[in-house]
């Protein structure tokens, strides 16, 4: 698939896809006879994983490290698992923080709703 088609499937811009490649997050993508990038489903699956990691706040340096480890093969399974465990811990901490923030928002919404009712 073309860079535009791949970008549409993963929800990124074509510029971001090219940046991911330049940053070493993605193996160099194959090209057609005219030199245009051609993405495979495997490329798209990899990009979907990267977008999830980024969306959950994984720093690009950790994403790059993960990509390097994955390229090195099965001898890095433990390191990849540890990297994901550390990231999961950060995600769970952030979720807990967001849940506390949400409680405050809900409280303020309730307070303002009651105040509005009293004024009417």
N, C-alpha and C. Protein backbone atom coordinates (compact mmCIF):
# COMPACT_ATOMS: atom_id res chain seq x y z
N UNK A 1 0.85 -1.19 0.00
CA UNK A 1 0.00 0.00 0.00
C UNK A 1 0.88 1.24 0.00
N UNK A 2 0.33 2.33 -0.44
CA UNK A 2 1.08 3.58 -0.53
C UNK A 2 1.26 4.19 0.86
N UNK A 3 2.10 5.21 0.93
CA UNK A 3 2.32 5.90 2.20
C UNK A 3 1.01 6.54 2.68
N UNK A 4 0.22 7.07 1.78
CA UNK A 4 -1.06 7.68 2.18
C UNK A 4 -2.03 6.64 2.71
N UNK A 5 -2.08 5.48 2.07
CA UNK A 5 -2.96 4.41 2.53
C UNK A 5 -2.53 3.89 3.90
N UNK A 6 -1.23 3.70 4.06
CA UNK A 6 -0.72 3.23 5.35
C UNK A 6 -0.99 4.26 6.44
N UNK A 7 -0.76 5.52 6.12
CA UNK A 7 -1.01 6.59 7.09
C UNK A 7 -2.48 6.59 7.51
N UNK A 8 -3.37 6.41 6.56
CA UNK A 8 -4.80 6.38 6.87
C UNK A 8 -5.16 5.22 7.77
N UNK A 9 -4.53 4.08 7.58
CA UNK A 9 -4.84 2.91 8.40
C UNK A 9 -4.37 3.06 9.84
N UNK A 10 -3.28 3.76 10.04
CA UNK A 10 -2.73 3.88 11.40
C UNK A 10 -3.04 5.22 12.06
N UNK A 11 -3.65 6.14 11.31
CA UNK A 11 -4.03 7.42 11.91
C UNK A 11 -2.88 8.40 12.07
N UNK A 12 -1.89 8.32 11.21
CA UNK A 12 -0.77 9.25 11.26
C UNK A 12 -0.71 10.01 9.94
N UNK A 13 0.03 11.09 9.94
CA UNK A 13 0.25 11.81 8.70
C UNK A 13 1.37 11.13 7.92
N UNK A 14 1.43 11.40 6.64
CA UNK A 14 2.52 10.84 5.84
C UNK A 14 3.87 11.38 6.32
N UNK A 15 3.87 12.63 6.77
CA UNK A 15 5.10 13.22 7.31
C UNK A 15 5.56 12.42 8.52
N UNK A 16 4.64 12.07 9.42
CA UNK A 16 4.99 11.33 10.63
C UNK A 16 5.52 9.94 10.29
N UNK A 17 4.90 9.29 9.31
CA UNK A 17 5.41 7.98 8.89
C UNK A 17 6.85 8.08 8.42
N UNK A 18 7.13 9.07 7.62
CA UNK A 18 8.50 9.26 7.14
C UNK A 18 9.45 9.57 8.30
N UNK A 19 8.98 10.35 9.26
CA UNK A 19 9.79 10.69 10.44
C UNK A 19 10.09 9.44 11.24
N UNK A 20 9.08 8.57 11.43
CA UNK A 20 9.30 7.31 12.15
C UNK A 20 10.42 6.51 11.47
N UNK A 21 10.41 6.49 10.16
CA UNK A 21 11.44 5.76 9.42
C UNK A 21 12.81 6.42 9.64
N UNK A 22 12.87 7.74 9.56
CA UNK A 22 14.13 8.46 9.76
C UNK A 22 14.68 8.27 11.17
N UNK A 23 13.77 8.13 12.14
CA UNK A 23 14.19 7.98 13.54
C UNK A 23 14.59 6.54 13.88
N UNK A 24 14.47 5.63 12.93
CA UNK A 24 14.85 4.25 13.18
C UNK A 24 13.77 3.44 13.88
N UNK A 25 12.56 3.98 13.94
CA UNK A 25 11.47 3.25 14.58
C UNK A 25 10.90 2.19 13.64
N UNK A 26 11.09 2.41 12.36
CA UNK A 26 10.56 1.52 11.33
C UNK A 26 11.73 1.11 10.44
N UNK A 27 11.78 -0.15 10.10
CA UNK A 27 12.76 -0.61 9.12
C UNK A 27 12.52 0.15 7.82
N UNK A 28 13.54 0.38 7.04
CA UNK A 28 13.30 1.03 5.75
C UNK A 28 12.22 0.27 4.97
N UNK A 29 11.25 1.01 4.50
CA UNK A 29 10.11 0.44 3.83
C UNK A 29 10.49 0.15 2.38
N UNK A 30 9.94 -0.95 1.85
CA UNK A 30 10.21 -1.30 0.46
C UNK A 30 9.70 -0.22 -0.49
N UNK A 31 10.23 -0.24 -1.68
CA UNK A 31 9.85 0.77 -2.68
C UNK A 31 9.47 0.08 -3.98
N UNK A 32 8.59 0.75 -4.71
CA UNK A 32 8.21 0.22 -6.02
C UNK A 32 9.24 0.65 -7.07
N UNK A 33 9.00 0.29 -8.32
CA UNK A 33 9.96 0.58 -9.38
C UNK A 33 10.17 2.07 -9.61
N UNK A 34 9.19 2.88 -9.18
CA UNK A 34 9.33 4.34 -9.32
C UNK A 34 9.96 4.97 -8.07
N UNK A 35 10.32 4.13 -7.09
CA UNK A 35 10.97 4.66 -5.89
C UNK A 35 10.01 5.11 -4.80
N UNK A 36 8.71 4.86 -4.97
CA UNK A 36 7.72 5.24 -3.95
C UNK A 36 7.64 4.16 -2.87
N UNK A 37 7.47 4.61 -1.63
CA UNK A 37 7.34 3.67 -0.53
C UNK A 37 6.12 2.77 -0.73
N UNK A 38 6.28 1.48 -0.40
CA UNK A 38 5.18 0.52 -0.46
C UNK A 38 5.15 -0.22 0.87
N UNK A 39 4.08 -0.04 1.61
CA UNK A 39 3.93 -0.63 2.94
C UNK A 39 3.21 -1.97 2.84
N UNK A 40 3.66 -2.94 3.64
CA UNK A 40 2.99 -4.23 3.74
C UNK A 40 2.08 -4.22 4.97
N UNK A 41 1.26 -5.25 5.10
CA UNK A 41 0.42 -5.36 6.29
C UNK A 41 1.29 -5.50 7.54
N UNK A 42 2.41 -6.18 7.42
CA UNK A 42 3.34 -6.31 8.56
C UNK A 42 3.87 -4.94 8.97
N UNK A 43 4.18 -4.09 8.00
CA UNK A 43 4.62 -2.72 8.30
C UNK A 43 3.52 -1.97 9.06
N UNK A 44 2.29 -2.11 8.58
CA UNK A 44 1.16 -1.41 9.20
C UNK A 44 0.93 -1.93 10.63
N UNK A 45 1.03 -3.24 10.83
CA UNK A 45 0.88 -3.80 12.18
C UNK A 45 1.93 -3.24 13.13
N UNK A 46 3.17 -3.12 12.65
CA UNK A 46 4.25 -2.55 13.45
C UNK A 46 3.94 -1.09 13.78
N UNK A 47 3.47 -0.34 12.79
CA UNK A 47 3.13 1.06 13.01
C UNK A 47 1.98 1.21 14.00
N UNK A 48 1.01 0.29 13.96
CA UNK A 48 -0.09 0.34 14.93
C UNK A 48 0.43 0.15 16.34
N UNK A 49 1.38 -0.76 16.53
CA UNK A 49 1.97 -0.95 17.84
C UNK A 49 2.69 0.33 18.28
N UNK A 50 3.47 0.90 17.38
CA UNK A 50 4.20 2.13 17.72
C UNK A 50 3.23 3.26 18.10
N UNK A 51 2.12 3.38 17.37
CA UNK A 51 1.19 4.45 17.70
C UNK A 51 0.56 4.22 19.08
N UNK A 52 0.32 2.98 19.43
CA UNK A 52 -0.21 2.69 20.77
C UNK A 52 0.81 3.02 21.85
N UNK A 53 2.05 2.67 21.60
CA UNK A 53 3.10 2.99 22.57
C UNK A 53 3.20 4.50 22.74
N UNK A 54 3.18 5.22 21.65
CA UNK A 54 3.29 6.69 21.71
C UNK A 54 2.08 7.29 22.40
N UNK A 55 0.89 6.79 22.04
CA UNK A 55 -0.34 7.32 22.64
C UNK A 55 -0.38 7.10 24.14
N UNK A 56 0.26 6.04 24.60
CA UNK A 56 0.30 5.79 26.04
C UNK A 56 1.49 6.46 26.71
N UNK A 57 2.18 7.31 25.96
CA UNK A 57 3.21 8.14 26.56
C UNK A 57 4.62 7.58 26.54
N UNK A 58 4.86 6.52 25.80
CA UNK A 58 6.23 6.00 25.76
C UNK A 58 7.12 7.01 25.04
N UNK A 59 8.24 7.37 25.66
CA UNK A 59 9.16 8.30 25.00
C UNK A 59 9.72 7.69 23.71
N UNK A 60 10.03 8.53 22.75
CA UNK A 60 10.56 8.06 21.48
C UNK A 60 11.86 7.29 21.70
N UNK A 61 12.67 7.70 22.65
CA UNK A 61 13.93 6.97 22.89
C UNK A 61 13.66 5.52 23.31
N UNK A 62 12.59 5.29 24.11
CA UNK A 62 12.23 3.93 24.50
C UNK A 62 11.64 3.16 23.32
N UNK A 63 10.88 3.86 22.48
CA UNK A 63 10.35 3.21 21.28
C UNK A 63 11.50 2.80 20.36
N UNK A 64 12.48 3.66 20.24
CA UNK A 64 13.65 3.36 19.41
C UNK A 64 14.39 2.15 19.99
N UNK A 65 14.55 2.14 21.30
CA UNK A 65 15.23 1.02 21.96
C UNK A 65 14.47 -0.28 21.71
N UNK A 66 13.15 -0.23 21.82
CA UNK A 66 12.33 -1.40 21.56
C UNK A 66 12.53 -1.88 20.12
N UNK A 67 12.52 -0.97 19.17
CA UNK A 67 12.70 -1.34 17.77
C UNK A 67 14.07 -2.00 17.57
N UNK A 68 15.09 -1.45 18.21
CA UNK A 68 16.42 -2.05 18.11
C UNK A 68 16.44 -3.46 18.68
N UNK A 69 15.83 -3.62 19.85
CA UNK A 69 15.78 -4.94 20.47
C UNK A 69 15.02 -5.94 19.61
N UNK A 70 13.91 -5.51 19.04
CA UNK A 70 13.11 -6.40 18.20
C UNK A 70 13.92 -6.86 16.99
N UNK A 71 14.71 -5.96 16.43
CA UNK A 71 15.53 -6.31 15.26
C UNK A 71 16.63 -7.32 15.61
N UNK A 72 17.05 -7.29 16.88
CA UNK A 72 18.12 -8.20 17.30
C UNK A 72 17.64 -9.63 17.49
N UNK A 73 16.35 -9.84 17.56
CA UNK A 73 15.83 -11.21 17.61
C UNK A 73 15.45 -11.69 18.99
N UNK A 74 15.23 -13.00 19.06
CA UNK A 74 14.69 -13.63 20.26
C UNK A 74 15.61 -13.54 21.48
N UNK A 75 16.86 -13.29 21.28
CA UNK A 75 17.77 -13.15 22.41
C UNK A 75 17.46 -11.93 23.27
N UNK A 76 16.59 -11.05 22.79
CA UNK A 76 16.24 -9.82 23.52
C UNK A 76 14.83 -9.87 24.11
N UNK A 77 14.22 -11.05 24.11
CA UNK A 77 12.84 -11.13 24.61
C UNK A 77 12.71 -10.61 26.04
N UNK A 78 13.64 -10.97 26.91
CA UNK A 78 13.59 -10.52 28.30
C UNK A 78 13.70 -9.01 28.41
N UNK A 79 14.58 -8.42 27.64
CA UNK A 79 14.76 -6.96 27.66
C UNK A 79 13.50 -6.27 27.14
N UNK A 80 12.89 -6.83 26.09
CA UNK A 80 11.66 -6.24 25.56
C UNK A 80 10.53 -6.34 26.57
N UNK A 81 10.44 -7.50 27.25
CA UNK A 81 9.40 -7.66 28.27
C UNK A 81 9.60 -6.65 29.40
N UNK A 82 10.83 -6.49 29.85
CA UNK A 82 11.10 -5.53 30.93
C UNK A 82 10.77 -4.11 30.50
N UNK A 83 11.11 -3.76 29.28
CA UNK A 83 10.78 -2.43 28.76
C UNK A 83 9.28 -2.20 28.79
N UNK A 84 8.51 -3.20 28.36
CA UNK A 84 7.05 -3.09 28.37
C UNK A 84 6.50 -3.08 29.79
N UNK A 85 7.09 -3.86 30.69
CA UNK A 85 6.63 -3.85 32.09
C UNK A 85 6.84 -2.48 32.72
N UNK A 86 7.99 -1.88 32.47
CA UNK A 86 8.26 -0.54 32.99
C UNK A 86 7.27 0.47 32.42
N UNK A 87 7.01 0.35 31.15
CA UNK A 87 6.05 1.28 30.52
C UNK A 87 4.65 1.05 31.08
N UNK A 88 4.27 -0.22 31.24
CA UNK A 88 2.95 -0.52 31.82
C UNK A 88 2.81 0.12 33.20
N UNK A 89 3.86 0.04 34.01
CA UNK A 89 3.81 0.65 35.35
C UNK A 89 3.57 2.16 35.25
N UNK A 90 4.24 2.82 34.29
CA UNK A 90 4.01 4.26 34.10
C UNK A 90 2.59 4.54 33.63
N UNK A 91 2.07 3.69 32.74
CA UNK A 91 0.70 3.87 32.25
C UNK A 91 -0.30 3.70 33.39
N UNK A 92 -0.10 2.68 34.22
CA UNK A 92 -1.02 2.45 35.34
C UNK A 92 -0.97 3.61 36.34
N UNK A 93 0.21 4.15 36.56
CA UNK A 93 0.33 5.32 37.44
C UNK A 93 -0.43 6.49 36.86
N UNK A 94 -0.29 6.71 35.57
CA UNK A 94 -1.00 7.82 34.90
C UNK A 94 -2.51 7.62 34.93
N UNK A 95 -2.95 6.39 34.74
CA UNK A 95 -4.39 6.11 34.81
C UNK A 95 -4.92 6.44 36.21
N UNK A 96 -4.19 6.06 37.24
CA UNK A 96 -4.60 6.35 38.61
C UNK A 96 -4.67 7.86 38.84
N UNK A 97 -3.69 8.59 38.31
CA UNK A 97 -3.71 10.05 38.43
C UNK A 97 -4.93 10.64 37.71
N UNK A 98 -5.21 10.15 36.52
CA UNK A 98 -6.36 10.64 35.76
C UNK A 98 -7.68 10.33 36.46
N UNK A 99 -7.76 9.16 37.09
CA UNK A 99 -8.97 8.81 37.83
C UNK A 99 -9.20 9.79 38.99
N UNK A 100 -8.12 10.17 39.67
CA UNK A 100 -8.24 11.16 40.75
C UNK A 100 -8.66 12.52 40.19
N UNK A 101 -8.07 12.90 39.08
CA UNK A 101 -8.44 14.16 38.44
C UNK A 101 -9.91 14.15 38.02
N UNK A 102 -10.36 13.02 37.51
CA UNK A 102 -11.75 12.89 37.10
C UNK A 102 -12.70 13.04 38.28
N UNK A 103 -12.32 12.52 39.43
CA UNK A 103 -13.15 12.68 40.64
C UNK A 103 -13.34 14.17 40.95
N UNK A 104 -12.29 14.94 40.84
CA UNK A 104 -12.37 16.38 41.11
C UNK A 104 -13.30 17.05 40.09
N UNK A 105 -13.15 16.70 38.83
CA UNK A 105 -14.01 17.27 37.80
C UNK A 105 -15.47 16.93 38.05
N UNK A 106 -15.74 15.68 38.36
CA UNK A 106 -17.12 15.27 38.64
C UNK A 106 -17.69 16.00 39.86
N UNK A 107 -16.87 16.18 40.87
CA UNK A 107 -17.31 16.91 42.06
C UNK A 107 -17.70 18.35 41.69
N UNK A 108 -16.82 19.01 40.92
CA UNK A 108 -17.11 20.40 40.54
C UNK A 108 -18.35 20.48 39.65
N UNK A 109 -18.54 19.53 38.76
CA UNK A 109 -19.74 19.50 37.92
C UNK A 109 -20.98 19.37 38.79
N UNK A 110 -20.93 18.50 39.77
CA UNK A 110 -22.07 18.33 40.69
C UNK A 110 -22.34 19.61 41.48
N UNK A 111 -21.29 20.23 41.98
CA UNK A 111 -21.44 21.47 42.75
C UNK A 111 -22.09 22.54 41.89
N UNK A 112 -21.60 22.74 40.67
CA UNK A 112 -22.15 23.77 39.81
C UNK A 112 -23.59 23.45 39.41
N UNK A 113 -23.89 22.18 39.20
CA UNK A 113 -25.26 21.79 38.89
C UNK A 113 -26.21 22.13 40.02
N UNK A 114 -25.80 21.85 41.25
CA UNK A 114 -26.63 22.17 42.43
C UNK A 114 -26.79 23.67 42.60
N UNK A 115 -25.71 24.40 42.36
CA UNK A 115 -25.78 25.85 42.48
C UNK A 115 -26.75 26.44 41.44
N UNK A 116 -26.70 25.89 40.23
CA UNK A 116 -27.61 26.36 39.18
C UNK A 116 -29.07 26.08 39.56
N UNK A 117 -29.31 24.93 40.12
CA UNK A 117 -30.69 24.55 40.52
C UNK A 117 -31.18 25.49 41.62
N UNK A 118 -30.30 25.85 42.54
CA UNK A 118 -30.70 26.74 43.64
C UNK A 118 -31.05 28.13 43.12
N UNK A 119 -30.39 28.55 42.05
CA UNK A 119 -30.66 29.87 41.50
C UNK A 119 -31.97 29.92 40.74
N UNK A 120 -32.42 28.79 40.25
CA UNK A 120 -33.66 28.77 39.45
C UNK A 120 -34.89 28.74 40.29
